[in-house]
Amino acid sequence: MFDLYNNLSVTQALSAGAATTTQTSSAVDLQGFYSSLVVFNIGLCGDTLSGSLYWTLKIQDSPDGVTYTDVATAGLLGSPSTNTIVINTSGQDQKAYKFGYIGANRYLKAVATPTGTHTNGTPIGIVAVRGTPTLAPTS
């Protein structure tokens, strides 16, 4: 089966909702898959983003599902050229941001961290996409 539908597993890692505090996804188990992608869905920010009021997006990995550390740039594909994405202007909200993971650990988490006082919140949802399964079709 070489179609995309049967070779991807899409998981809602964090239900979308307005956030004013750090948002951490549930753990994503990569066992049985050779590729993965984490997508942050960012809605219209209710606060005015700036250099002192912003969100930082990143992913973390773990070999055991207990101790998580930030994924180094070498463990990521594509843009950005660093291991974080900073959303600090109104033109950067209402977008989806992705991290392609090429690290060797079994578990992933995604983290959105606010800086400054966020009063009204920003809608944030996180989806994990696992691909290249060892056994297809995926369920």
N, C-alpha and C. Protein backbone atom coordinates (compact mmCIF):
# COMPACT_ATOMS: atom_id res chain seq x y z
N MET A 1 0.83 -1.18 0.00
CA MET A 1 0.00 0.00 0.00
C MET A 1 0.88 1.24 0.00
N PHE A 2 0.86 1.95 -1.08
CA PHE A 2 1.70 3.12 -1.21
C PHE A 2 0.92 4.42 -1.16
N ASP A 3 -0.36 4.33 -0.82
CA ASP A 3 -1.14 5.54 -0.68
C ASP A 3 -0.84 6.21 0.65
N LEU A 4 -1.08 7.49 0.71
CA LEU A 4 -0.80 8.25 1.93
C LEU A 4 -1.76 7.91 3.05
N TYR A 5 -3.02 7.70 2.73
CA TYR A 5 -4.06 7.45 3.74
C TYR A 5 -3.72 6.25 4.62
N ASN A 6 -3.28 5.17 4.05
CA ASN A 6 -2.99 3.95 4.81
C ASN A 6 -1.59 3.93 5.42
N ASN A 7 -0.81 4.95 5.17
CA ASN A 7 0.57 4.98 5.66
C ASN A 7 0.85 6.12 6.64
N LEU A 8 -0.22 6.74 7.14
CA LEU A 8 -0.09 7.80 8.14
C LEU A 8 -1.00 7.51 9.32
N SER A 9 -0.56 7.91 10.48
CA SER A 9 -1.38 7.87 11.68
C SER A 9 -1.39 9.29 12.24
N VAL A 10 -2.57 9.88 12.31
CA VAL A 10 -2.71 11.26 12.80
C VAL A 10 -3.32 11.22 14.20
N THR A 11 -2.66 11.89 15.13
CA THR A 11 -3.10 11.89 16.53
C THR A 11 -3.25 13.31 17.03
N GLN A 12 -4.39 13.60 17.64
CA GLN A 12 -4.55 14.90 18.30
C GLN A 12 -3.77 14.84 19.61
N ALA A 13 -2.68 15.57 19.67
CA ALA A 13 -1.82 15.53 20.85
C ALA A 13 -2.23 16.56 21.90
N LEU A 14 -2.91 17.64 21.44
CA LEU A 14 -3.42 18.66 22.35
C LEU A 14 -4.67 19.25 21.72
N SER A 15 -5.80 19.12 22.41
CA SER A 15 -7.04 19.70 21.92
C SER A 15 -6.91 21.21 21.81
N ALA A 16 -7.42 21.76 20.72
CA ALA A 16 -7.33 23.20 20.51
C ALA A 16 -8.15 23.95 21.55
N GLY A 17 -7.57 25.04 22.04
CA GLY A 17 -8.25 25.87 23.00
C GLY A 17 -7.44 27.13 23.27
N ALA A 18 -8.10 28.16 23.76
CA ALA A 18 -7.40 29.41 24.07
C ALA A 18 -6.46 29.18 25.26
N ALA A 19 -5.22 29.58 25.08
CA ALA A 19 -4.20 29.33 26.11
C ALA A 19 -3.54 30.63 26.55
N THR A 20 -3.27 30.71 27.85
CA THR A 20 -2.52 31.83 28.42
C THR A 20 -1.29 31.33 29.18
N THR A 21 -1.19 30.01 29.33
CA THR A 21 -0.07 29.39 30.05
C THR A 21 0.58 28.33 29.17
N THR A 22 1.69 27.79 29.61
CA THR A 22 2.40 26.76 28.85
C THR A 22 1.48 25.59 28.52
N GLN A 23 1.52 25.18 27.27
CA GLN A 23 0.72 24.06 26.79
C GLN A 23 1.67 22.93 26.38
N THR A 24 1.48 21.75 26.96
CA THR A 24 2.31 20.59 26.65
C THR A 24 1.41 19.48 26.14
N SER A 25 1.75 18.92 25.01
CA SER A 25 0.94 17.86 24.42
C SER A 25 1.07 16.57 25.22
N SER A 26 0.20 15.65 24.93
CA SER A 26 0.36 14.30 25.47
C SER A 26 1.55 13.66 24.76
N ALA A 27 2.07 12.60 25.32
CA ALA A 27 3.21 11.90 24.72
C ALA A 27 2.76 11.18 23.45
N VAL A 28 3.62 11.19 22.46
CA VAL A 28 3.36 10.50 21.20
C VAL A 28 4.38 9.37 21.09
N ASP A 29 3.89 8.15 21.00
CA ASP A 29 4.75 6.97 20.91
C ASP A 29 5.04 6.70 19.44
N LEU A 30 6.31 6.70 19.08
CA LEU A 30 6.72 6.51 17.69
C LEU A 30 7.03 5.05 17.35
N GLN A 31 6.83 4.15 18.30
CA GLN A 31 7.14 2.74 18.03
C GLN A 31 6.32 2.25 16.84
N GLY A 32 6.98 1.60 15.90
CA GLY A 32 6.31 1.06 14.73
C GLY A 32 6.25 2.04 13.56
N PHE A 33 6.88 3.19 13.70
CA PHE A 33 6.90 4.20 12.63
C PHE A 33 8.32 4.69 12.43
N TYR A 34 8.66 5.02 11.19
CA TYR A 34 10.00 5.49 10.87
C TYR A 34 10.07 6.99 10.60
N SER A 35 8.94 7.67 10.61
CA SER A 35 8.96 9.12 10.38
C SER A 35 7.86 9.77 11.20
N SER A 36 8.07 11.07 11.51
CA SER A 36 7.05 11.78 12.28
C SER A 36 7.15 13.28 12.05
N LEU A 37 6.04 13.93 12.34
CA LEU A 37 5.89 15.36 12.14
C LEU A 37 4.96 15.87 13.22
N VAL A 38 5.28 17.02 13.80
CA VAL A 38 4.42 17.64 14.79
C VAL A 38 3.95 18.97 14.21
N VAL A 39 2.63 19.21 14.27
CA VAL A 39 2.04 20.43 13.72
C VAL A 39 1.37 21.21 14.85
N PHE A 40 1.77 22.47 15.00
CA PHE A 40 1.14 23.41 15.93
C PHE A 40 0.13 24.22 15.12
N ASN A 41 -1.13 24.21 15.52
CA ASN A 41 -2.16 25.03 14.89
C ASN A 41 -2.38 26.24 15.79
N ILE A 42 -2.01 27.42 15.29
CA ILE A 42 -2.08 28.65 16.08
C ILE A 42 -3.22 29.51 15.53
N GLY A 43 -4.12 29.91 16.40
CA GLY A 43 -5.24 30.76 16.00
C GLY A 43 -4.94 32.23 16.20
N LEU A 44 -5.97 33.03 16.09
CA LEU A 44 -5.85 34.48 16.26
C LEU A 44 -5.57 34.81 17.72
N CYS A 45 -4.42 35.44 17.95
CA CYS A 45 -4.02 35.78 19.31
C CYS A 45 -4.92 36.89 19.86
N GLY A 46 -5.40 36.70 21.08
CA GLY A 46 -6.24 37.70 21.72
C GLY A 46 -5.46 38.82 22.37
N ASP A 47 -4.16 38.72 22.38
CA ASP A 47 -3.28 39.74 22.95
C ASP A 47 -2.39 40.29 21.83
N THR A 48 -1.85 41.46 22.01
CA THR A 48 -0.97 42.06 21.01
C THR A 48 0.43 41.48 21.17
N LEU A 49 0.85 40.68 20.19
CA LEU A 49 2.16 40.05 20.24
C LEU A 49 3.25 41.08 19.99
N SER A 50 4.41 40.87 20.64
CA SER A 50 5.53 41.81 20.51
C SER A 50 6.81 41.12 20.95
N GLY A 51 7.87 41.88 21.03
CA GLY A 51 9.14 41.35 21.49
C GLY A 51 9.14 40.96 22.96
N SER A 52 8.13 41.43 23.71
CA SER A 52 8.04 41.07 25.13
C SER A 52 6.79 40.24 25.44
N LEU A 53 5.97 39.98 24.43
CA LEU A 53 4.76 39.17 24.60
C LEU A 53 4.69 38.24 23.39
N TYR A 54 5.07 36.97 23.61
CA TYR A 54 5.15 36.05 22.47
C TYR A 54 5.02 34.60 22.92
N TRP A 55 4.96 33.71 21.93
CA TRP A 55 4.91 32.26 22.16
C TRP A 55 6.16 31.63 21.56
N THR A 56 6.70 30.63 22.24
CA THR A 56 7.82 29.84 21.72
C THR A 56 7.34 28.40 21.56
N LEU A 57 7.55 27.85 20.37
CA LEU A 57 7.13 26.49 20.06
C LEU A 57 8.37 25.60 19.94
N LYS A 58 8.28 24.38 20.45
CA LYS A 58 9.39 23.44 20.36
C LYS A 58 8.86 22.03 20.55
N ILE A 59 9.70 21.04 20.24
CA ILE A 59 9.36 19.66 20.56
C ILE A 59 10.46 19.08 21.44
N GLN A 60 10.06 18.10 22.23
CA GLN A 60 10.96 17.39 23.12
C GLN A 60 10.86 15.91 22.84
N ASP A 61 11.95 15.17 23.11
CA ASP A 61 11.91 13.73 22.93
C ASP A 61 12.42 13.01 24.17
N SER A 62 12.15 11.71 24.20
CA SER A 62 12.50 10.90 25.36
C SER A 62 12.70 9.46 24.93
N PRO A 63 13.70 8.77 25.48
CA PRO A 63 13.85 7.35 25.18
C PRO A 63 12.90 6.47 25.98
N ASP A 64 12.44 6.99 27.12
CA ASP A 64 11.67 6.15 28.04
C ASP A 64 10.26 6.67 28.34
N GLY A 65 9.89 7.82 27.81
CA GLY A 65 8.58 8.40 28.09
C GLY A 65 8.48 9.05 29.45
N VAL A 66 9.62 9.22 30.12
CA VAL A 66 9.64 9.82 31.46
C VAL A 66 10.41 11.14 31.45
N THR A 67 11.65 11.09 30.99
CA THR A 67 12.52 12.27 30.98
C THR A 67 12.58 12.83 29.57
N TYR A 68 12.08 14.05 29.40
CA TYR A 68 12.05 14.71 28.09
C TYR A 68 13.06 15.84 28.05
N THR A 69 13.73 15.99 26.90
CA THR A 69 14.66 17.09 26.67
C THR A 69 14.33 17.72 25.31
N ASP A 70 14.71 18.99 25.17
CA ASP A 70 14.48 19.68 23.90
C ASP A 70 15.23 18.97 22.78
N VAL A 71 14.59 18.84 21.64
CA VAL A 71 15.23 18.24 20.48
C VAL A 71 16.22 19.24 19.89
N ALA A 72 17.45 18.79 19.68
CA ALA A 72 18.47 19.64 19.08
C ALA A 72 18.14 19.87 17.61
N THR A 73 18.66 20.93 17.04
CA THR A 73 18.41 21.25 15.64
C THR A 73 18.77 20.08 14.73
N ALA A 74 19.81 19.34 15.05
CA ALA A 74 20.23 18.20 14.24
C ALA A 74 19.17 17.10 14.18
N GLY A 75 18.24 17.10 15.13
CA GLY A 75 17.18 16.10 15.16
C GLY A 75 15.91 16.54 14.45
N LEU A 76 15.98 17.68 13.74
CA LEU A 76 14.81 18.24 13.07
C LEU A 76 15.05 18.42 11.58
N LEU A 77 13.97 18.39 10.82
CA LEU A 77 14.02 18.65 9.39
C LEU A 77 13.41 20.00 9.07
N GLY A 78 13.89 20.61 8.00
CA GLY A 78 13.25 21.81 7.48
C GLY A 78 13.49 23.05 8.30
N SER A 79 12.60 24.03 8.06
CA SER A 79 12.68 25.31 8.76
C SER A 79 11.96 25.15 10.09
N PRO A 80 12.38 25.73 11.15
CA PRO A 80 13.40 26.75 11.26
C PRO A 80 14.80 26.16 11.32
N SER A 81 15.79 27.02 11.25
CA SER A 81 17.18 26.57 11.35
C SER A 81 17.59 26.43 12.81
N THR A 82 16.68 26.72 13.73
CA THR A 82 16.91 26.50 15.15
C THR A 82 15.85 25.52 15.64
N ASN A 83 15.92 25.14 16.90
CA ASN A 83 14.97 24.15 17.40
C ASN A 83 13.72 24.77 18.01
N THR A 84 13.53 26.07 17.81
CA THR A 84 12.31 26.72 18.30
C THR A 84 11.73 27.64 17.23
N ILE A 85 10.45 27.90 17.35
CA ILE A 85 9.77 28.89 16.52
C ILE A 85 9.19 29.92 17.48
N VAL A 86 9.45 31.19 17.23
CA VAL A 86 8.94 32.27 18.07
C VAL A 86 7.86 33.00 17.29
N ILE A 87 6.70 33.16 17.92
CA ILE A 87 5.57 33.88 17.33
C ILE A 87 5.42 35.18 18.11
N ASN A 88 5.88 36.29 17.50
CA ASN A 88 5.90 37.55 18.23
C ASN A 88 5.32 38.74 17.46
N THR A 89 4.62 38.47 16.36
CA THR A 89 3.92 39.53 15.64
C THR A 89 2.56 39.00 15.19
N SER A 90 1.63 39.91 14.96
CA SER A 90 0.28 39.49 14.58
C SER A 90 0.27 38.74 13.25
N GLY A 91 1.22 38.96 12.39
CA GLY A 91 1.28 38.24 11.12
C GLY A 91 1.72 36.79 11.27
N GLN A 92 2.18 36.43 12.45
CA GLN A 92 2.64 35.06 12.68
C GLN A 92 1.59 34.18 13.33
N ASP A 93 0.48 34.77 13.80
CA ASP A 93 -0.59 33.93 14.34
C ASP A 93 -1.48 33.49 13.17
N GLN A 94 -2.49 32.70 13.46
CA GLN A 94 -3.40 32.15 12.45
C GLN A 94 -2.66 31.34 11.38
N LYS A 95 -1.69 30.54 11.83
CA LYS A 95 -0.91 29.71 10.92
C LYS A 95 -0.65 28.35 11.55
N ALA A 96 -0.21 27.43 10.73
CA ALA A 96 0.24 26.12 11.20
C ALA A 96 1.75 26.07 11.06
N TYR A 97 2.41 25.54 12.07
CA TYR A 97 3.87 25.41 12.08
C TYR A 97 4.21 23.94 12.27
N LYS A 98 5.23 23.48 11.56
CA LYS A 98 5.58 22.06 11.66
C LYS A 98 7.04 21.85 12.02
N PHE A 99 7.27 20.75 12.73
CA PHE A 99 8.61 20.27 13.05
C PHE A 99 8.69 18.84 12.53
N GLY A 100 9.62 18.56 11.65
CA GLY A 100 9.89 17.20 11.20
C GLY A 100 10.93 16.59 12.12
N TYR A 101 10.61 15.44 12.70
CA TYR A 101 11.51 14.81 13.69
C TYR A 101 12.30 13.69 13.03
N ILE A 102 13.64 13.72 13.19
CA ILE A 102 14.49 12.64 12.67
C ILE A 102 15.40 12.08 13.77
N GLY A 103 15.05 12.36 15.01
CA GLY A 103 15.83 11.85 16.13
C GLY A 103 15.60 10.35 16.33
N ALA A 104 16.29 9.78 17.28
CA ALA A 104 16.25 8.34 17.50
C ALA A 104 15.40 7.92 18.68
N ASN A 105 14.81 8.85 19.41
CA ASN A 105 14.04 8.48 20.60
C ASN A 105 12.63 8.03 20.26
N ARG A 106 12.04 7.29 21.16
CA ARG A 106 10.72 6.69 20.93
C ARG A 106 9.56 7.64 21.18
N TYR A 107 9.69 8.58 22.08
CA TYR A 107 8.56 9.42 22.49
C TYR A 107 8.81 10.89 22.16
N LEU A 108 7.72 11.59 21.82
CA LEU A 108 7.76 13.02 21.56
C LEU A 108 6.70 13.74 22.37
N LYS A 109 6.97 14.99 22.69
CA LYS A 109 5.98 15.92 23.23
C LYS A 109 6.21 17.25 22.54
N ALA A 110 5.16 18.03 22.41
CA ALA A 110 5.25 19.36 21.85
C ALA A 110 4.91 20.37 22.95
N VAL A 111 5.61 21.50 22.94
CA VAL A 111 5.44 22.49 24.00
C VAL A 111 5.30 23.89 23.39
N ALA A 112 4.29 24.63 23.83
CA ALA A 112 4.10 26.03 23.48
C ALA A 112 4.21 26.83 24.78
N THR A 113 5.20 27.72 24.85
CA THR A 113 5.47 28.47 26.07
C THR A 113 5.27 29.96 25.86
N PRO A 114 4.44 30.60 26.70
CA PRO A 114 4.27 32.04 26.56
C PRO A 114 5.35 32.81 27.32
N THR A 115 5.68 33.97 26.80
CA THR A 115 6.53 34.92 27.51
C THR A 115 5.72 36.20 27.64
N GLY A 116 5.75 36.81 28.81
CA GLY A 116 4.94 37.98 29.09
C GLY A 116 3.59 37.57 29.66
N THR A 117 2.75 38.54 29.95
CA THR A 117 1.43 38.27 30.52
C THR A 117 0.38 38.18 29.42
N HIS A 118 -0.07 36.97 29.17
CA HIS A 118 -1.10 36.72 28.17
C HIS A 118 -2.45 36.72 28.89
N THR A 119 -3.27 37.69 28.59
CA THR A 119 -4.54 37.88 29.28
C THR A 119 -5.70 37.20 28.56
N ASN A 120 -5.81 37.40 27.25
CA ASN A 120 -6.96 36.92 26.48
C ASN A 120 -6.74 35.55 25.85
N GLY A 121 -5.51 35.16 25.67
CA GLY A 121 -5.21 33.83 25.18
C GLY A 121 -5.05 33.73 23.67
N THR A 122 -4.45 32.63 23.29
CA THR A 122 -4.23 32.29 21.89
C THR A 122 -4.71 30.86 21.68
N PRO A 123 -5.57 30.62 20.69
CA PRO A 123 -5.97 29.24 20.41
C PRO A 123 -4.77 28.43 19.90
N ILE A 124 -4.52 27.30 20.55
CA ILE A 124 -3.41 26.43 20.18
C ILE A 124 -3.90 24.99 20.18
N GLY A 125 -3.62 24.29 19.12
CA GLY A 125 -3.88 22.86 19.03
C GLY A 125 -2.64 22.19 18.46
N ILE A 126 -2.40 20.93 18.82
CA ILE A 126 -1.21 20.23 18.35
C ILE A 126 -1.61 18.87 17.81
N VAL A 127 -1.10 18.56 16.62
CA VAL A 127 -1.37 17.28 15.95
C VAL A 127 -0.04 16.61 15.67
N ALA A 128 0.04 15.30 15.93
CA ALA A 128 1.22 14.52 15.61
C ALA A 128 0.88 13.60 14.44
N VAL A 129 1.78 13.54 13.49
CA VAL A 129 1.61 12.69 12.31
C VAL A 129 2.75 11.69 12.31
N ARG A 130 2.40 10.42 12.35
CA ARG A 130 3.41 9.36 12.29
C ARG A 130 3.28 8.69 10.93
N GLY A 131 4.43 8.43 10.29
CA GLY A 131 4.40 7.86 8.96
C GLY A 131 5.41 6.75 8.79
N THR A 132 5.42 6.20 7.59
CA THR A 132 6.30 5.09 7.23
C THR A 132 6.19 3.98 8.28
N PRO A 133 5.01 3.38 8.39
CA PRO A 133 4.79 2.35 9.41
C PRO A 133 5.50 1.05 9.07
N THR A 134 5.85 0.31 10.10
CA THR A 134 6.43 -1.01 9.88
C THR A 134 5.35 -1.99 9.42
N LEU A 135 4.10 -1.69 9.75
CA LEU A 135 2.98 -2.52 9.35
C LEU A 135 1.83 -1.61 8.88
N ALA A 136 1.46 -1.76 7.63
CA ALA A 136 0.36 -0.95 7.09
C ALA A 136 -0.77 -1.90 6.69
N PRO A 137 -2.00 -1.46 6.64
CA PRO A 137 -2.41 -0.08 6.83
C PRO A 137 -2.44 0.29 8.33
N THR A 138 -2.33 1.60 8.56
CA THR A 138 -2.42 2.09 9.94
C THR A 138 -3.87 2.12 10.35
N SER A 139 -4.14 2.09 11.64
CA SER A 139 -5.54 2.11 12.08
C SER A 139 -5.99 3.51 12.38
